[in-house]
């Protein structure tokens, strides 16, 4: 389960960073995810981090959040992930991301 959570966190982080870079290059217009969509993505990230915290014994089971982005946003995440892979944009690896999260 931890591997699946880690992989999902990397995907969500990378699509948000990619979105920010694309938006910055387009005069701040939302070309990938809208502000509300970014909030939804971050809600899922928070839920995933709470699941990891529970696995480590840092929080109680009743404190674990579960959230998954709506299907419409999930489709955009998949398309953005494909764009990232097609352009060799790079992004963060699991080791890089989780190392910064532990610091």
N, C-alpha and C. Protein backbone atom coordinates (compact mmCIF):
# COMPACT_ATOMS: atom_id res chain seq x y z
N UNK A 1 0.82 -1.20 0.00
CA UNK A 1 0.00 0.00 0.00
C UNK A 1 0.86 1.26 0.00
N UNK A 2 1.96 1.25 0.78
CA UNK A 2 2.83 2.42 0.85
C UNK A 2 3.40 2.77 -0.52
N UNK A 3 3.79 1.76 -1.29
CA UNK A 3 4.35 2.01 -2.62
C UNK A 3 3.32 2.71 -3.52
N UNK A 4 2.08 2.27 -3.46
CA UNK A 4 1.02 2.88 -4.26
C UNK A 4 0.80 4.33 -3.85
N UNK A 5 0.81 4.57 -2.55
CA UNK A 5 0.64 5.94 -2.05
C UNK A 5 1.81 6.81 -2.49
N UNK A 6 3.03 6.29 -2.33
CA UNK A 6 4.22 7.05 -2.74
C UNK A 6 4.16 7.41 -4.22
N UNK A 7 3.80 6.43 -5.05
CA UNK A 7 3.73 6.66 -6.50
C UNK A 7 2.68 7.72 -6.83
N UNK A 8 1.54 7.63 -6.18
CA UNK A 8 0.47 8.60 -6.43
C UNK A 8 0.90 10.00 -5.99
N UNK A 9 1.60 10.10 -4.86
CA UNK A 9 2.09 11.40 -4.40
C UNK A 9 3.05 12.01 -5.41
N UNK A 10 3.91 11.20 -6.00
CA UNK A 10 4.86 11.69 -7.00
C UNK A 10 4.10 12.21 -8.22
N UNK A 11 3.12 11.46 -8.68
CA UNK A 11 2.34 11.88 -9.85
C UNK A 11 1.64 13.20 -9.56
N UNK A 12 0.95 13.29 -8.43
CA UNK A 12 0.21 14.52 -8.11
C UNK A 12 1.15 15.70 -7.96
N UNK A 13 2.28 15.49 -7.30
CA UNK A 13 3.26 16.57 -7.13
C UNK A 13 3.78 17.05 -8.49
N UNK A 14 4.15 16.11 -9.34
CA UNK A 14 4.71 16.47 -10.64
C UNK A 14 3.71 17.19 -11.53
N UNK A 15 2.45 16.77 -11.53
CA UNK A 15 1.49 17.47 -12.39
C UNK A 15 1.24 18.88 -11.88
N UNK A 16 1.30 19.08 -10.56
CA UNK A 16 1.13 20.44 -10.02
C UNK A 16 2.32 21.33 -10.38
N UNK A 17 3.53 20.80 -10.25
CA UNK A 17 4.73 21.58 -10.60
C UNK A 17 4.74 21.89 -12.09
N UNK A 18 4.43 20.91 -12.90
CA UNK A 18 4.36 21.10 -14.35
C UNK A 18 3.32 22.18 -14.68
N UNK A 19 2.17 22.09 -14.05
CA UNK A 19 1.11 23.07 -14.26
C UNK A 19 1.61 24.47 -13.93
N UNK A 20 2.31 24.61 -12.82
CA UNK A 20 2.83 25.92 -12.41
C UNK A 20 3.81 26.47 -13.44
N UNK A 21 4.67 25.62 -13.97
CA UNK A 21 5.64 26.08 -14.95
C UNK A 21 4.97 26.46 -16.27
N UNK A 22 4.01 25.67 -16.70
CA UNK A 22 3.29 25.99 -17.94
C UNK A 22 2.52 27.29 -17.77
N UNK A 23 1.85 27.45 -16.63
CA UNK A 23 1.08 28.66 -16.38
C UNK A 23 1.99 29.89 -16.31
N UNK A 24 3.17 29.74 -15.73
CA UNK A 24 4.10 30.86 -15.62
C UNK A 24 4.55 31.31 -17.00
N UNK A 25 4.71 30.36 -17.91
CA UNK A 25 5.13 30.69 -19.27
C UNK A 25 4.01 31.28 -20.11
N UNK A 26 2.78 31.18 -19.62
CA UNK A 26 1.64 31.69 -20.39
C UNK A 26 0.98 32.87 -19.68
N UNK A 27 1.79 33.71 -19.08
CA UNK A 27 1.31 34.92 -18.41
C UNK A 27 0.32 34.62 -17.29
N UNK A 28 0.49 33.51 -16.60
CA UNK A 28 -0.33 33.21 -15.44
C UNK A 28 -1.72 32.68 -15.73
N UNK A 29 -2.05 32.47 -17.00
CA UNK A 29 -3.37 31.91 -17.32
C UNK A 29 -3.38 30.43 -16.96
N UNK A 30 -4.53 29.96 -16.53
CA UNK A 30 -4.65 28.54 -16.16
C UNK A 30 -4.83 27.69 -17.40
N UNK A 31 -3.73 27.09 -17.86
CA UNK A 31 -3.77 26.26 -19.06
C UNK A 31 -3.89 24.78 -18.74
N UNK A 32 -3.57 24.39 -17.54
CA UNK A 32 -3.61 22.98 -17.18
C UNK A 32 -4.72 22.75 -16.17
N UNK A 33 -4.52 23.18 -14.93
CA UNK A 33 -5.53 23.01 -13.88
C UNK A 33 -5.97 24.37 -13.37
N UNK A 34 -7.27 24.50 -13.14
CA UNK A 34 -7.79 25.73 -12.55
C UNK A 34 -7.40 25.77 -11.08
N UNK A 35 -7.60 26.91 -10.45
CA UNK A 35 -7.30 27.05 -9.03
C UNK A 35 -8.08 26.03 -8.20
N UNK A 36 -9.35 25.85 -8.50
CA UNK A 36 -10.18 24.89 -7.77
C UNK A 36 -9.69 23.46 -8.00
N UNK A 37 -9.30 23.14 -9.22
CA UNK A 37 -8.78 21.79 -9.50
C UNK A 37 -7.49 21.53 -8.72
N UNK A 38 -6.66 22.56 -8.60
CA UNK A 38 -5.43 22.42 -7.82
C UNK A 38 -5.75 22.16 -6.35
N UNK A 39 -6.79 22.80 -5.85
CA UNK A 39 -7.22 22.56 -4.47
C UNK A 39 -7.65 21.11 -4.30
N UNK A 40 -8.43 20.59 -5.24
CA UNK A 40 -8.86 19.19 -5.17
C UNK A 40 -7.65 18.25 -5.17
N UNK A 41 -6.68 18.54 -6.02
CA UNK A 41 -5.48 17.69 -6.08
C UNK A 41 -4.74 17.74 -4.75
N UNK A 42 -4.62 18.93 -4.17
CA UNK A 42 -3.94 19.04 -2.88
C UNK A 42 -4.73 18.37 -1.76
N UNK A 43 -6.05 18.34 -1.87
CA UNK A 43 -6.86 17.61 -0.89
C UNK A 43 -6.52 16.12 -0.93
N UNK A 44 -6.37 15.58 -2.12
CA UNK A 44 -6.00 14.17 -2.22
C UNK A 44 -4.60 13.94 -1.66
N UNK A 45 -3.69 14.85 -1.95
CA UNK A 45 -2.33 14.72 -1.41
C UNK A 45 -2.36 14.70 0.11
N UNK A 46 -3.14 15.60 0.70
CA UNK A 46 -3.26 15.63 2.16
C UNK A 46 -3.80 14.33 2.72
N UNK A 47 -4.80 13.78 2.04
CA UNK A 47 -5.38 12.50 2.48
C UNK A 47 -4.33 11.39 2.41
N UNK A 48 -3.54 11.39 1.35
CA UNK A 48 -2.50 10.36 1.21
C UNK A 48 -1.44 10.50 2.30
N UNK A 49 -1.05 11.73 2.60
CA UNK A 49 -0.08 11.94 3.67
C UNK A 49 -0.64 11.49 5.02
N UNK A 50 -1.94 11.68 5.23
CA UNK A 50 -2.53 11.22 6.50
C UNK A 50 -2.50 9.70 6.57
N UNK A 51 -2.68 9.03 5.44
CA UNK A 51 -2.62 7.57 5.42
C UNK A 51 -1.21 7.08 5.74
N UNK A 52 -0.20 7.78 5.21
CA UNK A 52 1.18 7.42 5.54
C UNK A 52 1.48 7.66 7.01
N UNK A 53 0.97 8.77 7.54
CA UNK A 53 1.18 9.09 8.95
C UNK A 53 0.56 8.03 9.85
N UNK A 54 -0.60 7.53 9.47
CA UNK A 54 -1.25 6.49 10.26
C UNK A 54 -0.45 5.19 10.22
N UNK A 55 0.11 4.87 9.05
CA UNK A 55 0.95 3.66 8.94
C UNK A 55 2.18 3.75 9.84
N UNK A 56 2.70 4.97 10.02
CA UNK A 56 3.88 5.17 10.87
C UNK A 56 3.51 5.30 12.34
N UNK A 57 2.22 5.31 12.64
CA UNK A 57 1.78 5.45 14.02
C UNK A 57 1.79 6.89 14.52
N UNK A 58 1.86 7.84 13.60
CA UNK A 58 1.91 9.26 13.98
C UNK A 58 0.53 9.83 14.30
N UNK A 59 -0.51 9.22 13.76
CA UNK A 59 -1.88 9.65 14.04
C UNK A 59 -2.73 8.42 14.30
N UNK A 60 -3.90 8.65 14.90
CA UNK A 60 -4.83 7.56 15.18
C UNK A 60 -5.64 7.23 13.93
N UNK A 61 -6.12 5.98 13.82
CA UNK A 61 -6.89 5.57 12.64
C UNK A 61 -8.10 6.46 12.35
N UNK A 62 -8.75 6.99 13.38
CA UNK A 62 -9.93 7.83 13.12
C UNK A 62 -9.55 9.20 12.55
N UNK A 63 -8.27 9.53 12.55
CA UNK A 63 -7.81 10.81 12.00
C UNK A 63 -7.44 10.72 10.52
N UNK A 64 -7.44 9.52 9.97
CA UNK A 64 -7.04 9.33 8.58
C UNK A 64 -8.12 9.88 7.65
N UNK A 65 -7.68 10.65 6.69
CA UNK A 65 -8.61 11.19 5.69
C UNK A 65 -8.55 10.35 4.43
N UNK A 66 -9.68 10.21 3.80
CA UNK A 66 -9.74 9.54 2.50
C UNK A 66 -10.38 10.50 1.52
N UNK A 67 -9.71 10.71 0.42
CA UNK A 67 -10.23 11.60 -0.61
C UNK A 67 -9.58 11.22 -1.92
N UNK A 68 -10.36 11.25 -2.97
CA UNK A 68 -9.88 10.99 -4.33
C UNK A 68 -10.47 12.09 -5.21
N UNK A 69 -9.67 12.64 -6.11
CA UNK A 69 -10.16 13.70 -6.98
C UNK A 69 -11.31 13.17 -7.83
N UNK A 70 -12.23 14.06 -8.25
CA UNK A 70 -13.30 13.64 -9.15
C UNK A 70 -12.74 13.10 -10.47
N UNK A 71 -13.52 12.28 -11.13
CA UNK A 71 -13.09 11.61 -12.37
C UNK A 71 -12.65 12.61 -13.44
N UNK A 72 -13.34 13.73 -13.56
CA UNK A 72 -12.98 14.74 -14.56
C UNK A 72 -11.55 15.24 -14.33
N UNK A 73 -11.20 15.48 -13.09
CA UNK A 73 -9.84 15.94 -12.78
C UNK A 73 -8.85 14.80 -12.96
N UNK A 74 -9.26 13.59 -12.62
CA UNK A 74 -8.39 12.42 -12.80
C UNK A 74 -8.00 12.27 -14.28
N UNK A 75 -8.94 12.53 -15.17
CA UNK A 75 -8.62 12.45 -16.61
C UNK A 75 -7.57 13.50 -16.98
N UNK A 76 -7.70 14.71 -16.43
CA UNK A 76 -6.71 15.76 -16.71
C UNK A 76 -5.35 15.41 -16.12
N UNK A 77 -5.35 14.77 -14.96
CA UNK A 77 -4.09 14.33 -14.36
C UNK A 77 -3.41 13.33 -15.28
N UNK A 78 -4.16 12.37 -15.79
CA UNK A 78 -3.59 11.36 -16.68
C UNK A 78 -3.05 12.00 -17.97
N UNK A 79 -3.80 12.94 -18.54
CA UNK A 79 -3.34 13.63 -19.75
C UNK A 79 -2.07 14.42 -19.47
N UNK A 80 -2.02 15.10 -18.34
CA UNK A 80 -0.84 15.88 -17.98
C UNK A 80 0.35 14.97 -17.76
N UNK A 81 0.14 13.85 -17.11
CA UNK A 81 1.22 12.87 -16.90
C UNK A 81 1.75 12.39 -18.25
N UNK A 82 0.87 12.15 -19.21
CA UNK A 82 1.30 11.74 -20.55
C UNK A 82 2.10 12.84 -21.23
N UNK A 83 1.68 14.11 -21.05
CA UNK A 83 2.43 15.23 -21.63
C UNK A 83 3.83 15.31 -21.01
N UNK A 84 3.90 15.12 -19.71
CA UNK A 84 5.20 15.15 -19.02
C UNK A 84 6.11 14.07 -19.60
N UNK A 85 5.59 12.87 -19.74
CA UNK A 85 6.39 11.77 -20.28
C UNK A 85 6.77 12.00 -21.73
N UNK A 86 5.88 12.58 -22.52
CA UNK A 86 6.14 12.81 -23.95
C UNK A 86 7.18 13.90 -24.16
N UNK A 87 7.25 14.86 -23.26
CA UNK A 87 8.18 15.98 -23.42
C UNK A 87 9.48 15.78 -22.66
N UNK A 88 9.59 14.66 -21.93
CA UNK A 88 10.78 14.43 -21.10
C UNK A 88 11.05 15.60 -20.16
N UNK A 89 9.97 16.18 -19.65
CA UNK A 89 10.08 17.33 -18.76
C UNK A 89 10.91 17.02 -17.53
N UNK A 90 10.83 15.82 -17.05
CA UNK A 90 11.64 15.45 -15.89
C UNK A 90 10.81 15.32 -14.64
N UNK A 91 10.70 16.38 -13.90
CA UNK A 91 9.95 16.33 -12.66
C UNK A 91 10.76 15.70 -11.55
N UNK A 92 10.08 15.31 -10.50
CA UNK A 92 10.72 14.73 -9.34
C UNK A 92 10.55 13.22 -9.34
N UNK A 93 11.55 12.53 -8.84
CA UNK A 93 11.44 11.09 -8.64
C UNK A 93 10.90 10.84 -7.24
N UNK A 94 10.52 9.60 -6.98
CA UNK A 94 10.01 9.24 -5.66
C UNK A 94 11.05 9.55 -4.58
N UNK A 95 12.30 9.20 -4.83
CA UNK A 95 13.36 9.43 -3.84
C UNK A 95 13.55 10.92 -3.56
N UNK A 96 13.54 11.74 -4.60
CA UNK A 96 13.69 13.18 -4.42
C UNK A 96 12.52 13.76 -3.64
N UNK A 97 11.33 13.39 -4.02
CA UNK A 97 10.14 13.95 -3.38
C UNK A 97 10.05 13.53 -1.92
N UNK A 98 10.21 12.26 -1.65
CA UNK A 98 10.06 11.78 -0.28
C UNK A 98 11.20 12.24 0.61
N UNK A 99 12.38 12.48 0.03
CA UNK A 99 13.49 13.02 0.81
C UNK A 99 13.16 14.44 1.26
N UNK A 100 12.57 15.25 0.37
CA UNK A 100 12.22 16.62 0.75
C UNK A 100 11.07 16.62 1.74
N UNK A 101 10.18 15.64 1.67
CA UNK A 101 9.06 15.57 2.61
C UNK A 101 9.53 15.20 4.01
N UNK A 102 10.59 14.41 4.11
CA UNK A 102 11.09 13.97 5.41
C UNK A 102 11.93 15.04 6.08
N UNK A 103 12.47 15.98 5.32
CA UNK A 103 13.34 17.03 5.88
C UNK A 103 12.57 18.01 6.74
